[in-house]
Amino acid sequence: MQGLRALGTVYRVARMSDKTRAPLRATLLLAALAAAPLTAASPAGAATVIHFQRESLTGLEAQLAKHEVHALSFHPTPAPGHVHISLNNGQHMTVVYAAPDQARLIARAHALAVPVAVAVAKSTTSKTTHHKLRYIAAGLVIVVIVVVAAVLLVDRRRRINEADSGAPAASSSDSG
């Protein structure tokens, strides 16, 4: 016999009806559809990470002479600068260079028709959150003041109502 037994009494659990199954199925379907792009995006994001191998400046010049370089990307700041190299075989290298070498390397790359990009350092203007925090704190203070005023007002009205009808009602509740 199905059910739970406790001291001779049988408790039965009702079957789950179709009315409760349909919303449950819809919820599970929506959750699965919402999670599908997240699982598909993870491996793709991990596959696009580029690992740069270290190379010497003379090695870069030799690769330029052999026409093995696909593109160069110079990053002059912070000093000393570094250049990211994309090779024709798909490898990626990084070379540290001194500031005077940059103009010479760019001229050499242009002479060999290698695409060159020079990264420009973005100016970091930090936005202060001081005013934002001040407004949040002021809003919280206003909310606290409103709540305290509401509690005091309700309590005052309750005391006035008890005072008006409280004396006869208090004696009748004590006698019971």
N, C-alpha and C. Protein backbone atom coordinates (compact mmCIF):
# COMPACT_ATOMS: atom_id res chain seq x y z
N MET A 1 0.85 -1.18 0.00
CA MET A 1 0.00 0.00 0.00
C MET A 1 0.89 1.23 0.00
N GLN A 2 0.56 2.20 -0.87
CA GLN A 2 1.36 3.42 -0.94
C GLN A 2 0.96 4.37 0.17
N GLY A 3 1.88 5.23 0.53
CA GLY A 3 1.59 6.25 1.52
C GLY A 3 2.53 6.14 2.70
N LEU A 4 2.30 6.96 3.67
CA LEU A 4 3.11 6.98 4.88
C LEU A 4 2.29 6.42 6.02
N ARG A 5 2.90 5.62 6.86
CA ARG A 5 2.18 5.06 8.01
C ARG A 5 2.75 5.66 9.28
N ALA A 6 1.85 6.11 10.10
CA ALA A 6 2.24 6.62 11.41
C ALA A 6 1.21 6.15 12.41
N LEU A 7 1.59 5.22 13.27
CA LEU A 7 0.71 4.67 14.30
C LEU A 7 -0.60 4.14 13.72
N GLY A 8 -0.47 3.37 12.64
CA GLY A 8 -1.64 2.74 12.08
C GLY A 8 -2.43 3.59 11.11
N THR A 9 -2.12 4.88 11.01
CA THR A 9 -2.85 5.76 10.10
C THR A 9 -2.06 5.87 8.80
N VAL A 10 -2.76 5.78 7.68
CA VAL A 10 -2.11 5.86 6.38
C VAL A 10 -2.38 7.25 5.81
N TYR A 11 -1.30 7.94 5.48
CA TYR A 11 -1.40 9.25 4.85
C TYR A 11 -1.04 9.09 3.38
N ARG A 12 -1.92 9.54 2.53
CA ARG A 12 -1.66 9.43 1.09
C ARG A 12 -1.30 10.80 0.52
N VAL A 13 -0.39 10.78 -0.41
CA VAL A 13 0.02 11.99 -1.08
C VAL A 13 -0.64 11.99 -2.46
N ALA A 14 -1.31 13.09 -2.78
CA ALA A 14 -2.02 13.18 -4.05
C ALA A 14 -1.03 13.21 -5.21
N ARG A 15 -1.44 12.64 -6.34
CA ARG A 15 -0.61 12.70 -7.55
C ARG A 15 -0.48 14.12 -8.03
N MET A 16 0.62 14.41 -8.66
CA MET A 16 0.83 15.74 -9.21
C MET A 16 -0.05 15.88 -10.44
N SER A 17 -0.87 16.90 -10.44
CA SER A 17 -1.79 17.07 -11.56
C SER A 17 -1.10 17.76 -12.73
N ASP A 18 -1.74 17.71 -13.90
CA ASP A 18 -1.19 18.37 -15.08
C ASP A 18 -1.16 19.88 -14.90
N LYS A 19 -2.03 20.41 -14.04
CA LYS A 19 -2.06 21.86 -13.82
C LYS A 19 -0.77 22.33 -13.15
N THR A 20 -0.19 21.51 -12.29
CA THR A 20 1.07 21.90 -11.64
C THR A 20 2.28 21.50 -12.46
N ARG A 21 2.12 20.48 -13.32
CA ARG A 21 3.25 20.06 -14.15
C ARG A 21 3.54 21.04 -15.28
N ALA A 22 2.51 21.62 -15.87
CA ALA A 22 2.71 22.52 -17.02
C ALA A 22 3.55 23.74 -16.65
N PRO A 23 3.24 24.47 -15.58
CA PRO A 23 4.11 25.61 -15.23
C PRO A 23 5.53 25.17 -14.86
N LEU A 24 5.63 23.99 -14.24
CA LEU A 24 6.95 23.49 -13.87
C LEU A 24 7.77 23.20 -15.12
N ARG A 25 7.15 22.56 -16.12
CA ARG A 25 7.85 22.28 -17.37
C ARG A 25 8.24 23.57 -18.08
N ALA A 26 7.35 24.55 -18.09
CA ALA A 26 7.65 25.82 -18.75
C ALA A 26 8.81 26.53 -18.06
N THR A 27 8.83 26.50 -16.74
CA THR A 27 9.90 27.13 -15.99
C THR A 27 11.24 26.45 -16.27
N LEU A 28 11.24 25.12 -16.27
CA LEU A 28 12.48 24.39 -16.54
C LEU A 28 12.96 24.64 -17.98
N LEU A 29 12.03 24.73 -18.93
CA LEU A 29 12.41 25.00 -20.31
C LEU A 29 13.03 26.39 -20.44
N LEU A 30 12.42 27.39 -19.80
CA LEU A 30 12.97 28.74 -19.86
C LEU A 30 14.34 28.82 -19.20
N ALA A 31 14.52 28.10 -18.09
CA ALA A 31 15.82 28.09 -17.41
C ALA A 31 16.88 27.45 -18.29
N ALA A 32 16.53 26.37 -18.97
CA ALA A 32 17.48 25.70 -19.85
C ALA A 32 17.84 26.59 -21.04
N LEU A 33 16.85 27.28 -21.60
CA LEU A 33 17.11 28.17 -22.72
C LEU A 33 17.96 29.36 -22.30
N ALA A 34 17.76 29.84 -21.08
CA ALA A 34 18.55 30.97 -20.59
C ALA A 34 19.99 30.56 -20.32
N ALA A 35 20.21 29.33 -19.89
CA ALA A 35 21.56 28.87 -19.56
C ALA A 35 22.34 28.40 -20.78
N ALA A 36 21.67 28.10 -21.88
CA ALA A 36 22.34 27.57 -23.07
C ALA A 36 23.38 28.53 -23.64
N PRO A 37 23.09 29.83 -23.81
CA PRO A 37 24.13 30.72 -24.34
C PRO A 37 25.33 30.86 -23.41
N LEU A 38 25.11 30.73 -22.12
CA LEU A 38 26.22 30.87 -21.17
C LEU A 38 27.20 29.72 -21.31
N THR A 39 26.67 28.51 -21.51
CA THR A 39 27.57 27.36 -21.64
C THR A 39 28.25 27.35 -22.99
N ALA A 40 27.59 27.86 -24.01
CA ALA A 40 28.19 27.89 -25.34
C ALA A 40 29.25 28.98 -25.44
N ALA A 41 29.11 30.06 -24.69
CA ALA A 41 30.04 31.18 -24.79
C ALA A 41 31.34 30.92 -24.05
N SER A 42 31.33 30.08 -23.06
CA SER A 42 32.53 29.86 -22.25
C SER A 42 33.69 29.27 -23.04
N PRO A 43 33.51 28.18 -23.78
CA PRO A 43 34.66 27.64 -24.51
C PRO A 43 35.14 28.57 -25.61
N ALA A 44 34.24 29.30 -26.24
CA ALA A 44 34.64 30.20 -27.31
C ALA A 44 35.50 31.34 -26.77
N GLY A 45 35.16 31.85 -25.60
CA GLY A 45 35.95 32.92 -25.00
C GLY A 45 37.33 32.42 -24.59
N ALA A 46 37.40 31.19 -24.12
CA ALA A 46 38.68 30.64 -23.69
C ALA A 46 39.57 30.31 -24.88
N ALA A 47 38.99 30.01 -26.04
CA ALA A 47 39.78 29.63 -27.21
C ALA A 47 40.44 30.84 -27.86
N THR A 48 39.97 32.05 -27.60
CA THR A 48 40.50 33.23 -28.26
C THR A 48 41.65 33.88 -27.49
N VAL A 49 42.09 33.31 -26.40
CA VAL A 49 43.20 33.88 -25.64
C VAL A 49 44.49 33.65 -26.41
N ILE A 50 45.26 34.71 -26.59
CA ILE A 50 46.52 34.63 -27.33
C ILE A 50 47.67 34.67 -26.33
N HIS A 51 48.55 33.70 -26.45
CA HIS A 51 49.73 33.65 -25.59
C HIS A 51 50.93 34.10 -26.41
N PHE A 52 51.60 35.14 -25.94
CA PHE A 52 52.75 35.69 -26.62
C PHE A 52 54.02 35.06 -26.07
N GLN A 53 54.87 34.60 -26.97
CA GLN A 53 56.17 34.06 -26.59
C GLN A 53 57.20 35.18 -26.68
N ARG A 54 58.18 35.14 -25.78
CA ARG A 54 59.21 36.19 -25.79
C ARG A 54 60.17 35.98 -26.96
N GLU A 55 60.59 37.11 -27.53
CA GLU A 55 61.51 37.10 -28.66
C GLU A 55 62.50 38.24 -28.46
N SER A 56 63.67 38.13 -29.05
CA SER A 56 64.66 39.20 -28.93
C SER A 56 64.47 40.19 -30.08
N LEU A 57 65.07 41.36 -29.94
CA LEU A 57 64.99 42.39 -30.96
C LEU A 57 65.68 41.95 -32.24
N THR A 58 66.81 41.24 -32.11
CA THR A 58 67.50 40.72 -33.31
C THR A 58 66.66 39.64 -33.98
N GLY A 59 65.93 38.85 -33.20
CA GLY A 59 65.05 37.85 -33.78
C GLY A 59 63.92 38.49 -34.57
N LEU A 60 63.37 39.62 -34.07
CA LEU A 60 62.34 40.34 -34.80
C LEU A 60 62.88 40.87 -36.12
N GLU A 61 64.09 41.43 -36.10
CA GLU A 61 64.67 41.95 -37.33
C GLU A 61 64.93 40.83 -38.34
N ALA A 62 65.32 39.66 -37.86
CA ALA A 62 65.53 38.52 -38.75
C ALA A 62 64.21 38.06 -39.36
N GLN A 63 63.15 38.03 -38.56
CA GLN A 63 61.83 37.63 -39.08
C GLN A 63 61.31 38.65 -40.08
N LEU A 64 61.57 39.94 -39.85
CA LEU A 64 61.18 40.96 -40.83
C LEU A 64 61.92 40.75 -42.14
N ALA A 65 63.21 40.43 -42.07
CA ALA A 65 64.01 40.23 -43.28
C ALA A 65 63.53 39.01 -44.06
N LYS A 66 63.03 37.99 -43.37
CA LYS A 66 62.55 36.77 -44.04
C LYS A 66 61.09 36.87 -44.45
N HIS A 67 60.44 38.00 -44.23
CA HIS A 67 59.02 38.24 -44.56
C HIS A 67 58.10 37.25 -43.83
N GLU A 68 58.40 36.94 -42.57
CA GLU A 68 57.59 36.03 -41.77
C GLU A 68 56.58 36.78 -40.90
N VAL A 69 56.66 38.10 -40.88
CA VAL A 69 55.81 38.90 -39.98
C VAL A 69 54.53 39.29 -40.69
N HIS A 70 53.41 39.02 -40.04
CA HIS A 70 52.09 39.35 -40.60
C HIS A 70 51.65 40.75 -40.17
N ALA A 71 51.87 41.12 -38.90
CA ALA A 71 51.46 42.43 -38.39
C ALA A 71 52.26 42.75 -37.13
N LEU A 72 52.42 44.05 -36.86
CA LEU A 72 53.10 44.54 -35.66
C LEU A 72 52.17 45.48 -34.91
N SER A 73 52.22 45.39 -33.59
CA SER A 73 51.43 46.29 -32.75
C SER A 73 52.35 46.81 -31.65
N PHE A 74 52.64 48.11 -31.70
CA PHE A 74 53.56 48.74 -30.75
C PHE A 74 52.78 49.26 -29.54
N HIS A 75 53.35 49.02 -28.36
CA HIS A 75 52.80 49.51 -27.10
C HIS A 75 53.92 50.27 -26.39
N PRO A 76 54.01 51.59 -26.64
CA PRO A 76 55.15 52.35 -26.13
C PRO A 76 55.13 52.62 -24.63
N THR A 77 53.99 52.61 -24.01
CA THR A 77 53.95 52.87 -22.56
C THR A 77 53.45 51.65 -21.86
N PRO A 78 53.88 51.35 -20.71
CA PRO A 78 54.92 52.00 -19.90
C PRO A 78 56.30 51.64 -20.44
N ALA A 79 57.27 52.51 -20.19
CA ALA A 79 58.63 52.30 -20.70
C ALA A 79 59.27 51.15 -19.95
N PRO A 80 60.07 50.31 -20.53
CA PRO A 80 60.35 50.23 -21.96
C PRO A 80 59.14 49.64 -22.69
N GLY A 81 58.99 50.04 -23.93
CA GLY A 81 57.85 49.59 -24.71
C GLY A 81 57.99 48.14 -25.15
N HIS A 82 56.92 47.60 -25.67
CA HIS A 82 56.98 46.25 -26.23
C HIS A 82 56.13 46.22 -27.49
N VAL A 83 56.48 45.31 -28.37
CA VAL A 83 55.77 45.16 -29.63
C VAL A 83 55.23 43.74 -29.71
N HIS A 84 53.96 43.61 -30.08
CA HIS A 84 53.35 42.31 -30.31
C HIS A 84 53.48 41.98 -31.79
N ILE A 85 53.96 40.80 -32.06
CA ILE A 85 54.23 40.38 -33.43
C ILE A 85 53.29 39.22 -33.76
N SER A 86 52.59 39.32 -34.89
CA SER A 86 51.81 38.20 -35.41
C SER A 86 52.56 37.66 -36.61
N LEU A 87 52.90 36.38 -36.55
CA LEU A 87 53.66 35.76 -37.63
C LEU A 87 52.72 35.12 -38.63
N ASN A 88 53.21 34.86 -39.83
CA ASN A 88 52.40 34.25 -40.88
C ASN A 88 51.98 32.83 -40.53
N ASN A 89 52.75 32.13 -39.69
CA ASN A 89 52.41 30.76 -39.33
C ASN A 89 51.42 30.68 -38.16
N GLY A 90 50.95 31.84 -37.67
CA GLY A 90 49.95 31.87 -36.60
C GLY A 90 50.52 32.06 -35.21
N GLN A 91 51.82 32.07 -35.06
CA GLN A 91 52.43 32.28 -33.75
C GLN A 91 52.38 33.76 -33.39
N HIS A 92 52.50 34.03 -32.11
CA HIS A 92 52.51 35.40 -31.62
C HIS A 92 53.71 35.58 -30.70
N MET A 93 54.45 36.66 -30.92
CA MET A 93 55.66 36.95 -30.15
C MET A 93 55.54 38.33 -29.52
N THR A 94 56.33 38.57 -28.49
CA THR A 94 56.44 39.89 -27.89
C THR A 94 57.91 40.23 -27.73
N VAL A 95 58.25 41.47 -28.06
CA VAL A 95 59.63 41.94 -27.99
C VAL A 95 59.66 43.23 -27.20
N VAL A 96 60.58 43.33 -26.26
CA VAL A 96 60.78 44.56 -25.50
C VAL A 96 61.80 45.40 -26.25
N TYR A 97 61.50 46.69 -26.41
CA TYR A 97 62.40 47.57 -27.17
C TYR A 97 62.56 48.89 -26.42
N ALA A 98 63.62 49.60 -26.75
CA ALA A 98 63.87 50.92 -26.18
C ALA A 98 63.14 51.96 -27.03
N ALA A 99 62.86 53.11 -26.45
CA ALA A 99 62.09 54.15 -27.15
C ALA A 99 62.73 54.59 -28.47
N PRO A 100 64.05 54.75 -28.57
CA PRO A 100 64.63 55.17 -29.86
C PRO A 100 64.46 54.13 -30.98
N ASP A 101 64.29 52.85 -30.63
CA ASP A 101 64.16 51.79 -31.64
C ASP A 101 62.80 51.79 -32.32
N GLN A 102 61.81 52.43 -31.74
CA GLN A 102 60.45 52.35 -32.28
C GLN A 102 60.37 52.94 -33.69
N ALA A 103 60.92 54.12 -33.90
CA ALA A 103 60.84 54.76 -35.21
C ALA A 103 61.55 53.92 -36.28
N ARG A 104 62.69 53.33 -35.93
CA ARG A 104 63.44 52.51 -36.88
C ARG A 104 62.65 51.25 -37.24
N LEU A 105 62.04 50.60 -36.24
CA LEU A 105 61.27 49.38 -36.50
C LEU A 105 60.03 49.66 -37.33
N ILE A 106 59.36 50.79 -37.07
CA ILE A 106 58.18 51.15 -37.85
C ILE A 106 58.56 51.44 -39.29
N ALA A 107 59.67 52.15 -39.51
CA ALA A 107 60.12 52.43 -40.88
C ALA A 107 60.48 51.16 -41.62
N ARG A 108 61.12 50.23 -40.93
CA ARG A 108 61.48 48.94 -41.55
C ARG A 108 60.24 48.15 -41.90
N ALA A 109 59.23 48.14 -41.03
CA ALA A 109 57.99 47.40 -41.29
C ALA A 109 57.23 48.02 -42.46
N HIS A 110 57.18 49.36 -42.52
CA HIS A 110 56.51 50.03 -43.65
C HIS A 110 57.22 49.73 -44.96
N ALA A 111 58.54 49.65 -44.95
CA ALA A 111 59.30 49.35 -46.16
C ALA A 111 58.99 47.95 -46.68
N LEU A 112 58.65 47.03 -45.77
CA LEU A 112 58.33 45.65 -46.15
C LEU A 112 56.83 45.42 -46.28
N ALA A 113 56.01 46.47 -46.21
CA ALA A 113 54.55 46.42 -46.33
C ALA A 113 53.89 45.58 -45.24
N VAL A 114 54.43 45.67 -44.04
CA VAL A 114 53.84 44.98 -42.88
C VAL A 114 52.92 45.97 -42.18
N PRO A 115 51.66 45.59 -41.93
CA PRO A 115 50.75 46.50 -41.21
C PRO A 115 51.27 46.79 -39.80
N VAL A 116 51.21 48.07 -39.43
CA VAL A 116 51.71 48.50 -38.12
C VAL A 116 50.60 49.27 -37.41
N ALA A 117 50.45 48.99 -36.12
CA ALA A 117 49.52 49.73 -35.28
C ALA A 117 50.28 50.19 -34.04
N VAL A 118 50.04 51.43 -33.65
CA VAL A 118 50.67 51.96 -32.44
C VAL A 118 49.56 52.25 -31.44
N ALA A 119 49.63 51.59 -30.31
CA ALA A 119 48.61 51.77 -29.27
C ALA A 119 48.83 53.09 -28.56
N VAL A 120 47.75 53.80 -28.31
CA VAL A 120 47.80 55.07 -27.62
C VAL A 120 47.27 54.85 -26.21
N ALA A 121 48.02 55.32 -25.24
CA ALA A 121 47.60 55.15 -23.85
C ALA A 121 46.36 56.00 -23.59
N LYS A 122 45.37 55.37 -23.00
CA LYS A 122 44.15 56.11 -22.66
C LYS A 122 44.38 56.90 -21.39
N SER A 123 43.83 58.09 -21.36
CA SER A 123 43.94 58.88 -20.14
C SER A 123 42.89 58.36 -19.16
N THR A 124 43.35 57.99 -18.01
CA THR A 124 42.44 57.44 -17.01
C THR A 124 41.97 58.56 -16.10
N THR A 125 40.75 58.99 -16.31
CA THR A 125 40.15 59.98 -15.43
C THR A 125 39.22 59.21 -14.51
N SER A 126 39.64 59.10 -13.28
CA SER A 126 38.84 58.33 -12.34
C SER A 126 37.64 59.17 -11.90
N LYS A 127 36.48 58.58 -12.06
CA LYS A 127 35.26 59.25 -11.63
C LYS A 127 35.16 59.08 -10.12
N THR A 128 34.95 60.17 -9.46
CA THR A 128 34.82 60.09 -8.02
C THR A 128 33.41 59.62 -7.67
N THR A 129 33.35 58.73 -6.71
CA THR A 129 32.06 58.23 -6.26
C THR A 129 31.62 58.95 -5.00
N HIS A 130 32.35 59.99 -4.63
CA HIS A 130 32.04 60.69 -3.39
C HIS A 130 30.62 61.26 -3.42
N HIS A 131 30.27 61.94 -4.50
CA HIS A 131 28.93 62.54 -4.57
C HIS A 131 27.86 61.48 -4.66
N LYS A 132 28.12 60.40 -5.35
CA LYS A 132 27.16 59.32 -5.47
C LYS A 132 26.87 58.73 -4.09
N LEU A 133 27.92 58.49 -3.32
CA LEU A 133 27.72 57.94 -1.98
C LEU A 133 27.00 58.94 -1.08
N ARG A 134 27.26 60.21 -1.28
CA ARG A 134 26.59 61.23 -0.48
C ARG A 134 25.09 61.20 -0.74
N TYR A 135 24.69 61.07 -2.01
CA TYR A 135 23.27 61.03 -2.35
C TYR A 135 22.61 59.77 -1.81
N ILE A 136 23.31 58.65 -1.85
CA ILE A 136 22.75 57.42 -1.30
C ILE A 136 22.55 57.56 0.20
N ALA A 137 23.52 58.11 0.89
CA ALA A 137 23.40 58.29 2.34
C ALA A 137 22.26 59.25 2.67
N ALA A 138 22.11 60.33 1.90
CA ALA A 138 21.01 61.27 2.14
C ALA A 138 19.67 60.60 1.92
N GLY A 139 19.57 59.78 0.90
CA GLY A 139 18.32 59.06 0.63
C GLY A 139 17.98 58.11 1.76
N LEU A 140 18.99 57.41 2.29
CA LEU A 140 18.73 56.51 3.42
C LEU A 140 18.29 57.27 4.66
N VAL A 141 18.89 58.42 4.92
CA VAL A 141 18.50 59.23 6.08
C VAL A 141 17.04 59.68 5.93
N ILE A 142 16.65 60.09 4.74
CA ILE A 142 15.27 60.52 4.51
C ILE A 142 14.31 59.36 4.73
N VAL A 143 14.66 58.17 4.25
CA VAL A 143 13.80 57.00 4.45
C VAL A 143 13.66 56.69 5.93
N VAL A 144 14.74 56.75 6.68
CA VAL A 144 14.68 56.48 8.12
C VAL A 144 13.80 57.52 8.82
N ILE A 145 13.92 58.79 8.46
CA ILE A 145 13.10 59.83 9.06
C ILE A 145 11.63 59.59 8.77
N VAL A 146 11.29 59.21 7.55
CA VAL A 146 9.89 58.96 7.19
C VAL A 146 9.35 57.77 7.98
N VAL A 147 10.14 56.70 8.10
CA VAL A 147 9.68 55.52 8.85
C VAL A 147 9.47 55.86 10.31
N VAL A 148 10.40 56.58 10.93
CA VAL A 148 10.26 56.96 12.35
C VAL A 148 9.03 57.86 12.53
N ALA A 149 8.82 58.81 11.64
CA ALA A 149 7.65 59.69 11.74
C ALA A 149 6.36 58.88 11.61
N ALA A 150 6.34 57.91 10.70
CA ALA A 150 5.14 57.08 10.54
C ALA A 150 4.87 56.26 11.79
N VAL A 151 5.91 55.69 12.39
CA VAL A 151 5.72 54.89 13.60
C VAL A 151 5.22 55.76 14.74
N LEU A 152 5.80 56.95 14.90
CA LEU A 152 5.34 57.84 15.97
C LEU A 152 3.91 58.29 15.76
N LEU A 153 3.53 58.57 14.51
CA LEU A 153 2.16 58.98 14.21
C LEU A 153 1.17 57.86 14.50
N VAL A 154 1.50 56.65 14.09
CA VAL A 154 0.60 55.51 14.35
C VAL A 154 0.49 55.27 15.85
N ASP A 155 1.59 55.34 16.56
CA ASP A 155 1.57 55.13 18.00
C ASP A 155 0.75 56.21 18.71
N ARG A 156 0.87 57.43 18.27
CA ARG A 156 0.10 58.54 18.87
C ARG A 156 -1.39 58.33 18.66
N ARG A 157 -1.77 57.95 17.43
CA ARG A 157 -3.20 57.71 17.16
C ARG A 157 -3.71 56.53 17.98
N ARG A 158 -2.91 55.50 18.15
CA ARG A 158 -3.32 54.35 18.95
C ARG A 158 -3.54 54.76 20.40
N ARG A 159 -2.66 55.60 20.94
CA ARG A 159 -2.82 56.06 22.32
C ARG A 159 -4.06 56.93 22.49
N ILE A 160 -4.33 57.80 21.49
CA ILE A 160 -5.52 58.66 21.55
C ILE A 160 -6.77 57.79 21.51
N ASN A 161 -6.81 56.79 20.65
CA ASN A 161 -7.98 55.90 20.56
C ASN A 161 -8.16 55.10 21.85
N GLU A 162 -7.07 54.66 22.48
CA GLU A 162 -7.17 53.93 23.74
C GLU A 162 -7.66 54.84 24.86
N ALA A 163 -7.23 56.11 24.84
CA ALA A 163 -7.64 57.04 25.89
C ALA A 163 -9.13 57.37 25.77
N ASP A 164 -9.64 57.50 24.54
CA ASP A 164 -11.06 57.83 24.35
C ASP A 164 -11.96 56.66 24.75
N SER A 165 -11.62 55.45 24.38
CA SER A 165 -12.49 54.32 24.66
C SER A 165 -11.84 53.31 25.59
N GLY A 166 -10.76 53.66 26.20
CA GLY A 166 -9.97 52.73 26.98
C GLY A 166 -10.47 52.45 28.38
N ALA A 167 -11.07 53.43 29.11
CA ALA A 167 -11.44 53.21 30.50
C ALA A 167 -12.53 52.16 30.67
N PRO A 168 -13.68 52.24 29.97
CA PRO A 168 -14.68 51.19 30.14
C PRO A 168 -14.24 49.86 29.58
N ALA A 169 -13.48 49.84 28.49
CA ALA A 169 -13.07 48.60 27.87
C ALA A 169 -12.04 47.89 28.74
N ALA A 170 -11.18 48.63 29.42
CA ALA A 170 -10.17 48.02 30.27
C ALA A 170 -10.79 47.35 31.46
N SER A 171 -11.86 47.93 32.05
CA SER A 171 -12.48 47.30 33.22
C SER A 171 -13.28 46.08 32.81
N SER A 172 -13.86 46.07 31.62
CA SER A 172 -14.63 44.90 31.21
C SER A 172 -13.71 43.74 30.83
N SER A 173 -12.49 44.04 30.30
CA SER A 173 -11.59 42.95 29.96
C SER A 173 -10.94 42.36 31.20
N ASP A 174 -10.83 43.17 32.30
CA ASP A 174 -10.23 42.65 33.54
C ASP A 174 -11.18 41.75 34.28
N SER A 175 -12.49 41.95 34.08
CA SER A 175 -13.46 41.16 34.85
C SER A 175 -13.67 39.79 34.22
N GLY A 176 -13.23 39.57 32.95
CA GLY A 176 -13.52 38.33 32.25
C GLY A 176 -12.60 37.26 32.55
